[in-house]
Protein backbone atom coordinates (compact mmCIF):
# COMPACT_ATOMS: atom_id res chain seq x y z
CA MET A 1 127.02 -174.24 -64.98
CA GLU A 2 126.23 -171.36 -62.63
CA TYR A 3 122.63 -170.28 -62.23
CA ALA A 4 121.03 -167.53 -60.18
CA THR A 5 118.12 -168.23 -57.83
CA LYS A 6 115.43 -166.12 -56.21
CA GLU A 7 112.65 -166.99 -53.79
CA LEU A 8 109.06 -166.68 -54.92
CA SER A 9 107.65 -163.35 -53.73
CA PRO A 10 105.36 -160.59 -54.98
CA GLU A 11 108.47 -159.11 -56.65
CA THR A 12 109.34 -162.33 -58.49
CA TRP A 13 105.72 -163.17 -59.33
CA PRO A 14 106.07 -161.91 -62.93
CA ASP A 15 108.93 -164.41 -63.42
CA PHE A 16 106.84 -167.24 -61.97
CA GLU A 17 103.95 -166.28 -64.24
CA ARG A 18 106.29 -166.16 -67.24
CA PHE A 19 107.74 -169.58 -66.36
CA PHE A 20 104.27 -171.09 -65.90
CA ALA A 21 103.04 -169.44 -69.12
CA ARG A 22 100.49 -170.88 -71.49
CA GLY A 23 102.00 -173.44 -73.84
CA THR A 24 104.84 -174.63 -71.60
CA GLY A 25 103.14 -177.92 -70.78
CA TRP A 26 103.00 -177.29 -67.03
CA ALA A 27 101.21 -173.93 -67.04
CA PHE A 28 97.85 -175.36 -65.98
CA CYS A 29 99.02 -176.45 -62.52
CA ALA A 30 100.95 -173.39 -61.25
CA CYS A 31 102.13 -175.82 -58.55
CA MET A 32 98.77 -175.72 -56.74
CA LEU A 33 97.93 -179.43 -56.37
CA TYR A 34 100.01 -179.93 -53.26
CA GLN A 35 99.11 -176.53 -51.89
CA ARG A 36 95.36 -177.00 -52.31
CA GLY A 37 95.45 -180.69 -51.46
CA CYS A 38 93.30 -181.73 -54.43
CA HIS A 39 92.79 -181.18 -58.15
CA LEU A 40 90.34 -178.62 -59.47
CA PRO A 41 86.94 -180.15 -60.27
CA LYS A 42 86.77 -180.97 -63.99
CA ALA A 43 83.13 -179.95 -64.20
CA ALA A 44 84.01 -176.37 -63.24
CA TYR A 45 87.37 -176.28 -65.07
CA PRO A 46 86.95 -178.43 -68.18
CA ASN A 47 90.27 -177.58 -69.87
CA ARG A 48 93.85 -176.69 -69.04
CA GLU A 49 93.42 -173.00 -69.83
CA ALA A 50 90.58 -172.66 -67.33
CA MET A 51 92.73 -174.53 -64.78
CA ARG A 52 95.71 -172.27 -65.52
CA ILE A 53 93.71 -169.12 -64.88
CA GLN A 54 92.25 -170.41 -61.61
CA ASN A 55 95.45 -171.98 -60.31
CA GLN A 56 97.51 -168.87 -61.05
CA ALA A 57 94.94 -166.65 -59.35
CA GLU A 58 95.01 -168.85 -56.24
CA LYS A 59 98.82 -169.06 -56.24
CA ARG A 60 99.18 -165.28 -56.62
CA ALA A 61 96.87 -164.67 -53.65
CA GLN A 62 98.93 -167.08 -51.56
CA VAL A 63 102.19 -165.45 -52.64
CA ASN A 64 100.82 -162.03 -51.71
CA ASP A 65 99.82 -163.41 -48.29
CA GLY A 66 103.23 -165.08 -47.75
CA ARG A 67 101.69 -168.58 -47.85
CA ALA A 68 103.48 -169.94 -50.94
CA HIS A 69 107.19 -170.69 -51.16
CA GLY A 70 109.49 -171.80 -53.89
CA ILE A 71 112.72 -171.14 -55.71
CA LEU A 72 113.02 -169.83 -59.25
CA VAL A 73 116.22 -170.69 -61.12
CA TYR A 74 117.54 -168.27 -63.75
CA ASP A 75 119.99 -168.37 -66.59
CA ASP A 76 120.93 -164.93 -67.85
CA GLY A 77 117.79 -163.42 -66.30
CA GLU A 78 115.42 -165.98 -67.82
CA PRO A 79 113.48 -168.28 -65.44
CA ILE A 80 114.36 -171.87 -66.36
CA GLY A 81 113.54 -173.87 -63.24
CA TRP A 82 111.34 -174.14 -60.17
CA CYS A 83 111.24 -175.98 -56.85
CA GLN A 84 108.26 -175.76 -54.50
CA PHE A 85 108.82 -176.05 -50.76
CA GLY A 86 106.83 -175.00 -47.75
CA SER A 87 105.77 -175.75 -44.25
CA ALA A 88 103.76 -178.89 -43.59
CA GLU A 89 100.69 -176.71 -42.97
CA GLU A 90 101.22 -174.83 -46.24
CA LEU A 91 101.47 -178.02 -48.30
CA PRO A 92 98.77 -180.44 -47.14
CA LEU A 93 99.33 -182.61 -50.24
CA PRO A 94 96.64 -184.73 -51.88
CA GLY A 95 94.86 -187.25 -49.75
CA ASP A 96 91.15 -186.52 -49.63
CA GLY A 97 90.03 -188.39 -52.72
CA ARG A 98 90.35 -192.09 -53.54
CA ARG A 99 92.81 -191.39 -56.38
CA ASP A 100 94.76 -188.83 -54.39
CA ARG A 101 95.91 -191.09 -51.53
CA ARG A 102 99.40 -191.19 -52.91
CA ILE A 103 101.38 -189.56 -50.11
CA PRO A 104 101.51 -191.13 -46.64
CA PRO A 105 100.70 -189.16 -43.51
CA LEU A 106 103.32 -186.64 -42.49
CA GLY A 107 106.28 -188.14 -40.64
CA ASP A 108 106.81 -187.32 -36.96
CA GLY A 109 108.55 -184.01 -36.45
CA VAL A 110 108.46 -182.97 -40.13
CA ARG A 111 108.32 -179.18 -40.44
CA TRP A 112 108.91 -178.75 -44.19
CA ARG A 113 108.06 -180.45 -47.46
CA ILE A 114 109.66 -180.27 -50.88
CA THR A 115 107.04 -181.30 -53.39
CA CYS A 116 107.76 -180.27 -56.94
CA PHE A 117 110.39 -179.44 -59.55
CA VAL A 118 109.94 -178.06 -63.03
CA THR A 119 112.79 -177.49 -65.48
CA ALA A 120 112.49 -175.96 -68.93
CA VAL A 121 112.72 -178.80 -71.46
CA ARG A 122 115.89 -177.55 -73.17
CA ARG A 123 117.62 -177.10 -69.78
CA ARG A 124 117.06 -180.56 -68.31
CA ARG A 125 120.00 -182.65 -67.10
CA ARG A 126 122.12 -179.54 -66.61
CA GLY A 127 121.95 -179.08 -62.83
CA VAL A 128 118.87 -176.85 -62.67
CA ALA A 129 116.98 -179.07 -60.19
CA SER A 130 120.11 -179.47 -58.04
CA THR A 131 120.53 -175.69 -57.92
CA ALA A 132 116.86 -175.26 -56.99
CA LEU A 133 117.04 -177.89 -54.25
CA ARG A 134 120.14 -176.35 -52.66
CA ALA A 135 118.52 -172.90 -52.70
CA ALA A 136 115.32 -174.33 -51.17
CA LEU A 137 117.34 -175.93 -48.36
CA ASP A 138 119.12 -172.61 -47.76
CA ALA A 139 115.76 -170.81 -47.58
CA ILE A 140 114.43 -173.42 -45.15
CA ARG A 141 117.54 -173.02 -42.98
CA GLU A 142 117.08 -169.23 -42.96
CA SER A 143 113.44 -169.74 -41.88
CA GLY A 144 114.40 -171.77 -38.81
CA GLY A 145 115.14 -175.15 -40.37
CA GLY A 146 113.95 -178.48 -39.06
CA LEU A 147 113.12 -181.87 -40.52
CA VAL A 148 112.41 -181.74 -44.27
CA GLU A 149 110.51 -184.43 -46.16
CA ALA A 150 110.40 -185.11 -49.91
CA TYR A 151 108.80 -187.73 -52.17
CA PRO A 152 111.08 -188.48 -55.13
CA THR A 153 109.97 -190.91 -57.75
CA VAL A 154 111.26 -194.45 -57.98
CA THR A 155 110.62 -194.56 -61.72
CA PRO A 156 111.72 -191.27 -63.31
CA GLN A 157 110.15 -192.30 -66.62
CA ASP A 158 106.70 -192.08 -65.01
CA GLY A 159 105.49 -188.70 -66.26
CA ASN A 160 103.04 -188.34 -63.39
CA TRP A 161 105.85 -188.46 -60.83
CA ALA A 162 108.80 -186.94 -62.69
CA HIS A 163 108.00 -183.59 -61.10
CA ALA A 164 108.89 -184.95 -57.64
CA GLY A 165 112.61 -185.27 -58.33
CA THR A 166 114.75 -188.37 -58.18
CA ILE A 167 116.33 -190.33 -55.36
CA PRO A 168 119.93 -189.45 -56.44
CA LEU A 169 119.01 -185.73 -56.55
CA PHE A 170 118.04 -185.85 -52.88
CA GLU A 171 120.84 -188.23 -51.84
CA ARG A 172 123.42 -185.75 -53.16
CA GLU A 173 122.01 -183.21 -50.68
CA GLY A 174 122.11 -185.54 -47.68
CA PHE A 175 118.56 -186.95 -47.69
CA THR A 176 118.02 -190.57 -46.69
CA VAL A 177 115.10 -192.89 -47.33
CA ALA A 178 112.70 -192.84 -44.37
CA SER A 179 110.11 -195.22 -45.84
CA ARG A 180 109.19 -197.08 -48.99
CA PRO A 181 105.41 -197.10 -49.37
CA ASN A 182 103.79 -199.29 -52.00
CA ALA A 183 103.82 -196.38 -54.43
CA PRO A 184 105.91 -194.93 -57.28
CA TYR A 185 107.91 -192.84 -54.79
CA VAL A 186 109.92 -193.10 -51.59
CA VAL A 187 109.79 -190.82 -48.57
CA MET A 188 113.13 -189.13 -47.93
CA GLN A 189 114.09 -186.88 -45.03
CA ARG A 190 116.88 -184.60 -43.93
CA ASP A 191 117.37 -182.31 -40.97
CA VAL A 192 118.32 -178.76 -41.97
């Protein structure tokens, strides 16, 4: 199946907002965990709607400042998929809190990270994530390239890690396993 892709930008923000709309199941995050480096405090944001509003406001400000990157995947003009990528500085990843120490320190020479995929439920297993990953790698190449790191899940059934992609997804695009931490993911790298 052929899909169209576009990079996240102020012009594509309405599509991102529509894709991360209330009721989709992933709307609350707006792909901010890895960008912020921690979850929102539950005392200040007690429910998913409050989180959605805050996360989308933060993401929009970063998009407007050119500090948020990602690929939107479209089928017939409708956003159906997403892949977040960015520079190592842009995506600090969780690591400050006891529960958030899930990702190891950045590998030597890594310039880019790919952290998250989201595919509309009815479009899963139809090449959406593969399309998004290829477009993200193209965008990274156009931005100067370098060593890219990703953290696909070892157990795709684990709902908490399904958003990170799978090992075969990355292997098909030339990534190799760089390390296997004692965690539900592996660290994979590729030079672009």
